[in-house]
């Protein structure tokens, strides 16, 4: 393929690609910088594989909601961080509400009010088709219900990942043009969708989504000058569901949300591929003791700057501890 050959010869300065860039036949002459957008959507092995295509390239990862593992890696000093904590000009904070099934009539009335004001609405479901084993709303079935029963006077369409690319592009173009009032969709709209006139996001079975994913989905609205809303429809009364709903309704800060995710499900392995699960600390808690751990991090950096191989007498015990704990994972 001509593109791959030009890339290998160094004739291409900047390559913009999808997950296809991870393939073995994609070779760079001298890869110096890797920029990963929507970092949380890539697996650990995928990110590593791309970096390995160069010789220690610089890496920039971008995300609205850092996954817990990334937050923990920042703490361990492997990533520096820059935070953009301002909204773009003329944008308003998205108002977020978590509601139970009995409030559906009020939610539907609110949707109608916004559409009558010439705005548009996303409705997101976890599944494409009904699954008898799981009590979740299906995009296909819900589209039918909205079209025939709830909003027969509005234009309702469905979008999901099983559609052909041309069909998906056509529906998104119609939604962008204002020809569709309500778009019922799966998480295929999570990234890369920008319709400033759409100001309502309703997420069905919100308890089934991760906090980071809820935050990403919410980001599909609030992209224009209009006040925007995210409504989380959830089921269940467990304490953890209530905590998760409270976090997402009270915060629009991706780092606050990620910290709560870290507290609830852990950070994952740093030398492995799991992206969840608390690492093995004898005393410290990675969430509640984060300030103390930052102090420890500063001390570690100071020690390594003076004795990178840990060969000084006062550091021999540290070197031996590393050998015991990580002998199967890193070279000491």
Protein backbone atom coordinates (compact mmCIF):
# COMPACT_ATOMS: atom_id res chain seq x y z
CA UNK A 1 0.00 0.00 0.00
CA UNK A 2 1.40 3.37 -1.06
CA UNK A 3 0.50 5.13 2.22
CA UNK A 4 2.30 2.57 4.39
CA UNK A 5 5.38 2.69 2.16
CA UNK A 6 5.54 6.49 2.31
CA UNK A 7 5.15 6.32 6.10
CA UNK A 8 8.01 3.83 6.39
CA UNK A 9 10.24 6.02 4.20
CA UNK A 10 9.53 9.10 6.33
CA UNK A 11 7.67 10.95 3.57
CA UNK A 12 4.67 11.54 5.87
CA UNK A 13 5.20 14.03 8.70
CA UNK A 14 1.86 13.64 10.51
CA UNK A 15 -0.34 10.54 10.44
CA UNK A 16 -3.91 10.79 11.73
CA UNK A 17 -5.52 7.40 12.16
CA UNK A 18 -7.95 5.16 13.98
CA UNK A 19 -7.10 1.93 15.82
CA UNK A 20 -5.66 0.80 12.46
CA UNK A 21 -2.34 2.45 13.36
CA UNK A 22 -1.73 -0.32 15.91
CA UNK A 23 -1.44 -2.97 13.17
CA UNK A 24 1.94 -4.70 12.73
CA UNK A 25 2.32 -3.57 9.12
CA UNK A 26 2.22 0.12 10.11
CA UNK A 27 5.87 1.19 10.41
CA UNK A 28 7.31 4.64 11.07
CA UNK A 29 10.76 5.75 9.99
CA UNK A 30 11.29 7.83 13.13
CA UNK A 31 8.26 8.15 15.41
CA UNK A 32 8.88 11.07 17.76
CA UNK A 33 5.47 12.01 19.14
CA UNK A 34 2.32 10.00 19.89
CA UNK A 35 -0.90 11.94 20.58
CA UNK A 36 -3.84 9.86 21.80
CA UNK A 37 -7.23 11.59 21.86
CA UNK A 38 -10.05 10.15 23.98
CA UNK A 39 -7.40 8.15 25.87
CA UNK A 40 -9.94 6.21 27.94
CA UNK A 41 -11.20 4.42 24.81
CA UNK A 42 -7.87 2.67 24.19
CA UNK A 43 -6.65 -0.46 25.93
CA UNK A 44 -3.37 -0.71 27.79
CA UNK A 45 -1.81 -3.03 25.18
CA UNK A 46 -2.94 -0.78 22.33
CA UNK A 47 -1.31 2.31 23.82
CA UNK A 48 1.90 0.40 24.52
CA UNK A 49 2.00 -1.09 21.04
CA UNK A 50 1.85 2.31 19.39
CA UNK A 51 4.61 3.74 21.59
CA UNK A 52 6.80 0.70 20.79
CA UNK A 53 6.75 1.68 17.10
CA UNK A 54 9.22 4.44 17.96
CA UNK A 55 12.33 4.74 20.09
CA UNK A 56 11.07 6.28 23.31
CA UNK A 57 8.77 8.86 21.63
CA UNK A 58 7.12 11.68 23.57
CA UNK A 59 3.53 10.83 24.50
CA UNK A 60 0.56 13.17 24.93
CA UNK A 61 -2.75 11.69 26.07
CA UNK A 62 -5.98 13.71 26.08
CA UNK A 63 -9.28 12.95 27.73
CA UNK A 64 -12.19 14.70 29.42
CA UNK A 65 -12.31 11.94 32.03
CA UNK A 66 -9.03 10.22 32.92
CA UNK A 67 -9.55 6.55 33.74
CA UNK A 68 -8.50 5.60 37.30
CA UNK A 69 -5.37 3.87 36.05
CA UNK A 70 -4.23 7.09 34.35
CA UNK A 71 -4.91 9.07 37.51
CA UNK A 72 -2.79 6.62 39.45
CA UNK A 73 0.04 6.71 36.88
CA UNK A 74 0.06 10.51 37.21
CA UNK A 75 0.45 10.04 40.96
CA UNK A 76 3.37 7.66 40.42
CA UNK A 77 5.19 10.28 38.38
CA UNK A 78 5.04 8.66 34.94
CA UNK A 79 2.85 11.41 33.49
CA UNK A 80 2.92 15.17 33.86
CA UNK A 81 -0.47 16.82 33.70
CA UNK A 82 -2.05 19.96 32.27
CA UNK A 83 -5.65 20.81 33.09
CA UNK A 84 -8.04 22.96 31.07
CA UNK A 85 -10.73 23.79 33.62
CA UNK A 86 -12.65 26.44 31.69
CA UNK A 87 -15.62 26.14 29.37
CA UNK A 88 -15.28 27.61 25.85
CA UNK A 89 -16.78 31.10 25.40
CA UNK A 90 -20.61 31.36 25.56
CA UNK A 91 -21.08 27.84 26.90
CA UNK A 92 -23.12 27.18 30.02
CA UNK A 93 -22.69 24.48 32.66
CA UNK A 94 -24.75 21.38 31.86
CA UNK A 95 -27.47 20.82 34.46
CA UNK A 96 -27.59 17.12 35.38
CA UNK A 97 -30.40 15.23 37.13
CA UNK A 98 -30.80 11.59 38.20
CA UNK A 99 -34.40 10.33 38.19
CA UNK A 100 -36.29 7.08 38.75
CA UNK A 101 -38.87 5.56 36.39
CA UNK A 102 -41.86 7.26 38.06
CA UNK A 103 -40.63 10.65 36.82
CA UNK A 104 -40.67 9.59 33.15
CA UNK A 105 -43.84 11.63 32.33
CA UNK A 106 -42.17 14.81 33.62
CA UNK A 107 -39.00 14.04 31.67
CA UNK A 108 -41.00 13.51 28.46
CA UNK A 109 -42.91 16.76 29.02
CA UNK A 110 -39.60 18.58 29.45
CA UNK A 111 -38.25 17.06 26.23
CA UNK A 112 -41.36 18.23 24.36
CA UNK A 113 -40.97 21.75 25.77
CA UNK A 114 -37.38 21.96 24.53
CA UNK A 115 -38.21 20.59 21.08
CA UNK A 116 -41.06 23.08 20.76
CA UNK A 117 -38.41 25.73 21.42
CA UNK A 118 -36.56 24.33 18.35
CA UNK A 119 -33.94 22.38 20.31
CA UNK A 120 -33.03 18.68 19.81
CA UNK A 121 -32.58 15.64 22.07
CA UNK A 122 -30.33 12.57 22.39
CA UNK A 123 -31.63 9.44 24.12
CA UNK A 124 -28.93 6.86 24.85
CA UNK A 125 -29.50 3.15 25.54
CA UNK A 126 -27.03 0.40 26.51
CA UNK A 127 -28.25 -2.17 23.93
CA UNK A 128 -29.23 -2.27 20.26
CA UNK A 129 -31.87 -5.00 20.50
CA UNK A 130 -33.83 -6.53 23.37
CA UNK A 131 -31.97 -9.08 25.48
CA UNK A 132 -34.30 -11.21 27.58
CA UNK A 133 -31.57 -11.86 30.13
CA UNK A 134 -31.07 -8.19 30.93
CA UNK A 135 -33.74 -5.67 31.81
CA UNK A 136 -32.31 -2.86 29.70
CA UNK A 137 -33.90 -0.47 27.28
CA UNK A 138 -33.15 -1.33 23.64
CA UNK A 139 -32.44 1.44 21.12
CA UNK A 140 -34.57 -0.25 18.47
CA UNK A 141 -37.53 -0.93 20.76
CA UNK A 142 -37.35 2.46 22.44
CA UNK A 143 -37.28 4.25 19.09
CA UNK A 144 -40.50 2.48 18.16
CA UNK A 145 -42.09 3.45 21.48
CA UNK A 146 -41.10 7.10 21.15
CA UNK A 147 -42.26 7.25 17.53
CA UNK A 148 -45.62 5.57 17.98
CA UNK A 149 -46.65 6.30 21.58
CA UNK A 150 -44.80 9.14 23.27
CA UNK A 151 -43.79 11.59 20.53
CA UNK A 152 -45.81 10.76 17.39
CA UNK A 153 -45.72 14.43 16.34
CA UNK A 154 -41.94 14.68 16.34
CA UNK A 155 -39.32 13.20 14.05
CA UNK A 156 -37.62 10.32 15.94
CA UNK A 157 -34.78 8.25 14.45
CA UNK A 158 -32.44 5.50 15.66
CA UNK A 159 -28.65 5.22 15.42
CA UNK A 160 -26.46 2.28 16.45
CA UNK A 161 -23.15 0.64 15.65
CA UNK A 162 -24.64 -2.22 13.65
CA UNK A 163 -25.74 0.16 10.90
CA UNK A 164 -23.68 0.59 7.75
CA UNK A 165 -21.34 3.57 7.77
CA UNK A 166 -23.24 5.38 5.03
CA UNK A 167 -26.53 4.97 6.90
CA UNK A 168 -25.01 6.30 10.15
CA UNK A 169 -23.48 9.28 8.35
CA UNK A 170 -26.80 10.09 6.70
CA UNK A 171 -28.72 10.05 10.00
CA UNK A 172 -26.10 12.19 11.76
CA UNK A 173 -26.16 14.69 8.90
CA UNK A 174 -29.95 14.94 9.14
CA UNK A 175 -29.71 15.41 12.91
CA UNK A 176 -27.06 18.07 12.43
CA UNK A 177 -29.29 19.81 9.89
CA UNK A 178 -32.19 19.88 12.34
CA UNK A 179 -34.36 17.42 10.39
CA UNK A 180 -34.46 14.97 13.34
CA UNK A 181 -35.91 16.08 16.70
CA UNK A 182 -35.00 13.07 18.84
CA UNK A 183 -32.07 10.74 18.15
CA UNK A 184 -32.27 7.43 20.01
CA UNK A 185 -28.79 5.94 20.03
CA UNK A 186 -26.34 3.53 21.62
CA UNK A 187 -22.96 4.80 22.84
CA UNK A 188 -21.83 5.20 19.23
CA UNK A 189 -22.32 8.95 19.76
CA UNK A 190 -19.96 9.06 22.76
CA UNK A 191 -17.19 10.87 20.89
CA UNK A 192 -16.81 12.87 17.70
CA UNK A 193 -20.35 14.25 17.60
CA UNK A 194 -20.94 18.00 17.63
CA UNK A 195 -24.49 19.31 17.21
CA UNK A 196 -24.71 22.71 19.00
CA UNK A 197 -28.52 22.83 18.75
CA UNK A 198 -28.93 19.56 20.73
CA UNK A 199 -29.34 20.55 24.38
CA UNK A 200 -30.89 17.47 26.06
CA UNK A 201 -29.21 14.16 26.79
CA UNK A 202 -31.35 11.42 28.35
CA UNK A 203 -29.46 8.28 29.38
CA UNK A 204 -31.51 5.15 29.98
CA UNK A 205 -30.34 2.65 32.61
CA UNK A 206 -27.62 5.07 33.68
CA UNK A 207 -26.56 2.68 36.46
CA UNK A 208 -25.19 0.37 33.74
CA UNK A 209 -22.63 2.93 32.51
CA UNK A 210 -19.27 3.81 34.03
CA UNK A 211 -18.83 7.29 35.50
CA UNK A 212 -16.30 8.24 32.83
CA UNK A 213 -18.67 7.12 30.09
CA UNK A 214 -21.58 9.06 31.59
CA UNK A 215 -19.40 12.17 31.66
CA UNK A 216 -18.32 11.63 28.05
CA UNK A 217 -21.91 11.13 26.89
CA UNK A 218 -23.01 14.24 28.74
CA UNK A 219 -20.40 16.15 26.74
CA UNK A 220 -22.45 15.70 23.56
CA UNK A 221 -24.72 18.51 24.78
CA UNK A 222 -23.73 21.92 26.04
CA UNK A 223 -21.83 22.58 22.82
CA UNK A 224 -23.81 25.66 21.84
CA UNK A 225 -25.13 28.83 23.43
CA UNK A 226 -28.28 27.19 24.85
CA UNK A 227 -28.71 25.95 28.41
CA UNK A 228 -28.25 22.18 28.26
CA UNK A 229 -29.46 19.28 30.37
CA UNK A 230 -28.44 15.68 31.07
CA UNK A 231 -31.08 13.42 32.62
CA UNK A 232 -29.93 10.08 34.05
CA UNK A 233 -32.74 7.53 34.31
CA UNK A 234 -31.67 4.76 36.66
CA UNK A 235 -32.97 1.68 38.44
CA UNK A 236 -31.93 0.14 41.73
CA UNK A 237 -31.56 1.37 45.30
CA UNK A 238 -28.08 0.17 46.25
CA UNK A 239 -25.81 2.62 48.06
CA UNK A 240 -23.13 2.46 45.35
CA UNK A 241 -25.66 3.36 42.62
CA UNK A 242 -26.84 6.33 44.67
CA UNK A 243 -23.24 7.44 45.24
CA UNK A 244 -22.42 7.22 41.55
CA UNK A 245 -25.51 9.18 40.55
CA UNK A 246 -24.68 11.82 43.15
CA UNK A 247 -21.14 12.24 41.83
CA UNK A 248 -22.20 12.75 38.22
CA UNK A 249 -25.05 15.13 39.09
CA UNK A 250 -22.94 17.32 41.36
CA UNK A 251 -19.78 17.60 39.27
CA UNK A 252 -18.81 18.54 35.73
CA UNK A 253 -15.11 18.09 36.56
CA UNK A 254 -13.61 15.04 34.85
CA UNK A 255 -10.93 14.70 37.53
CA UNK A 256 -13.40 14.76 40.40
CA UNK A 257 -15.40 12.07 38.60
CA UNK A 258 -12.28 10.02 37.93
CA UNK A 259 -11.21 10.27 41.58
CA UNK A 260 -14.59 8.92 42.66
CA UNK A 261 -14.26 6.15 40.09
CA UNK A 262 -10.83 5.42 41.58
CA UNK A 263 -12.35 5.21 45.04
CA UNK A 264 -15.20 2.94 43.95
CA UNK A 265 -13.41 0.47 41.67
CA UNK A 266 -9.66 0.90 42.05
CA UNK A 267 -6.86 1.91 39.72
CA UNK A 268 -5.71 -1.26 38.00
CA UNK A 269 -2.23 -2.68 37.49
CA UNK A 270 0.61 -0.34 36.58
CA UNK A 271 2.82 -3.00 34.96
CA UNK A 272 -0.05 -5.16 33.67
CA UNK A 273 -3.13 -4.64 31.56
CA UNK A 274 -5.99 -4.47 34.05
CA UNK A 275 -7.50 -0.99 34.26
CA UNK A 276 -9.30 -1.54 37.55
CA UNK A 277 -8.54 -3.06 40.95
CA UNK A 278 -6.77 -1.47 43.90
CA UNK A 279 -2.98 -2.05 43.94
CA UNK A 280 -1.43 -3.80 46.91
CA UNK A 281 -0.61 -1.24 49.60
CA UNK A 282 -0.01 -2.49 53.15
CA UNK A 283 -1.06 0.78 54.78
CA UNK A 284 -1.84 3.57 52.30
CA UNK A 285 -5.11 4.06 50.49
CA UNK A 286 -4.54 5.44 46.99
CA UNK A 287 -7.66 7.61 47.23
CA UNK A 288 -7.86 8.87 50.82
CA UNK A 289 -4.08 9.26 51.29
CA UNK A 290 -3.37 10.91 47.95
CA UNK A 291 -1.69 14.00 49.47
CA UNK A 292 0.68 11.87 51.55
CA UNK A 293 1.45 9.71 48.54
CA UNK A 294 2.38 12.83 46.59
CA UNK A 295 4.94 13.64 49.30
CA UNK A 296 6.30 10.11 48.99
CA UNK A 297 6.52 10.60 45.23
CA UNK A 298 8.63 13.73 45.71
CA UNK A 299 11.00 11.84 48.03
CA UNK A 300 11.33 9.01 45.50
CA UNK A 301 12.22 11.47 42.73
CA UNK A 302 14.88 13.02 44.99
CA UNK A 303 16.38 9.62 45.84
CA UNK A 304 16.51 8.49 42.20
CA UNK A 305 18.06 11.78 41.06
CA UNK A 306 20.98 11.19 43.44
CA UNK A 307 21.20 7.40 43.15
CA UNK A 308 19.36 6.12 40.04
CA UNK A 309 20.63 2.54 40.42
CA UNK A 310 19.99 2.43 44.20
CA UNK A 311 23.54 1.26 44.87
CA UNK A 312 24.35 3.61 47.75
CA UNK A 313 24.44 1.85 51.15
CA UNK A 314 21.38 3.71 52.46
CA UNK A 315 19.33 2.55 49.44
CA UNK A 316 20.35 -1.11 49.24
CA UNK A 317 17.24 -2.17 51.15
CA UNK A 318 15.05 -0.39 48.59
CA UNK A 319 16.84 -2.13 45.74
CA UNK A 320 16.30 -5.53 47.35
CA UNK A 321 12.63 -4.77 47.96
CA UNK A 322 12.17 -3.91 44.28
CA UNK A 323 13.79 -7.20 43.29
CA UNK A 324 11.45 -9.17 45.52
CA UNK A 325 8.25 -7.36 44.63
CA UNK A 326 8.68 -6.79 40.89
CA UNK A 327 11.21 -9.42 39.76
CA UNK A 328 8.71 -10.99 37.32
CA UNK A 329 7.64 -7.68 35.77
CA UNK A 330 10.62 -5.35 35.43
CA UNK A 331 14.36 -5.66 34.99
CA UNK A 332 16.22 -4.59 38.10
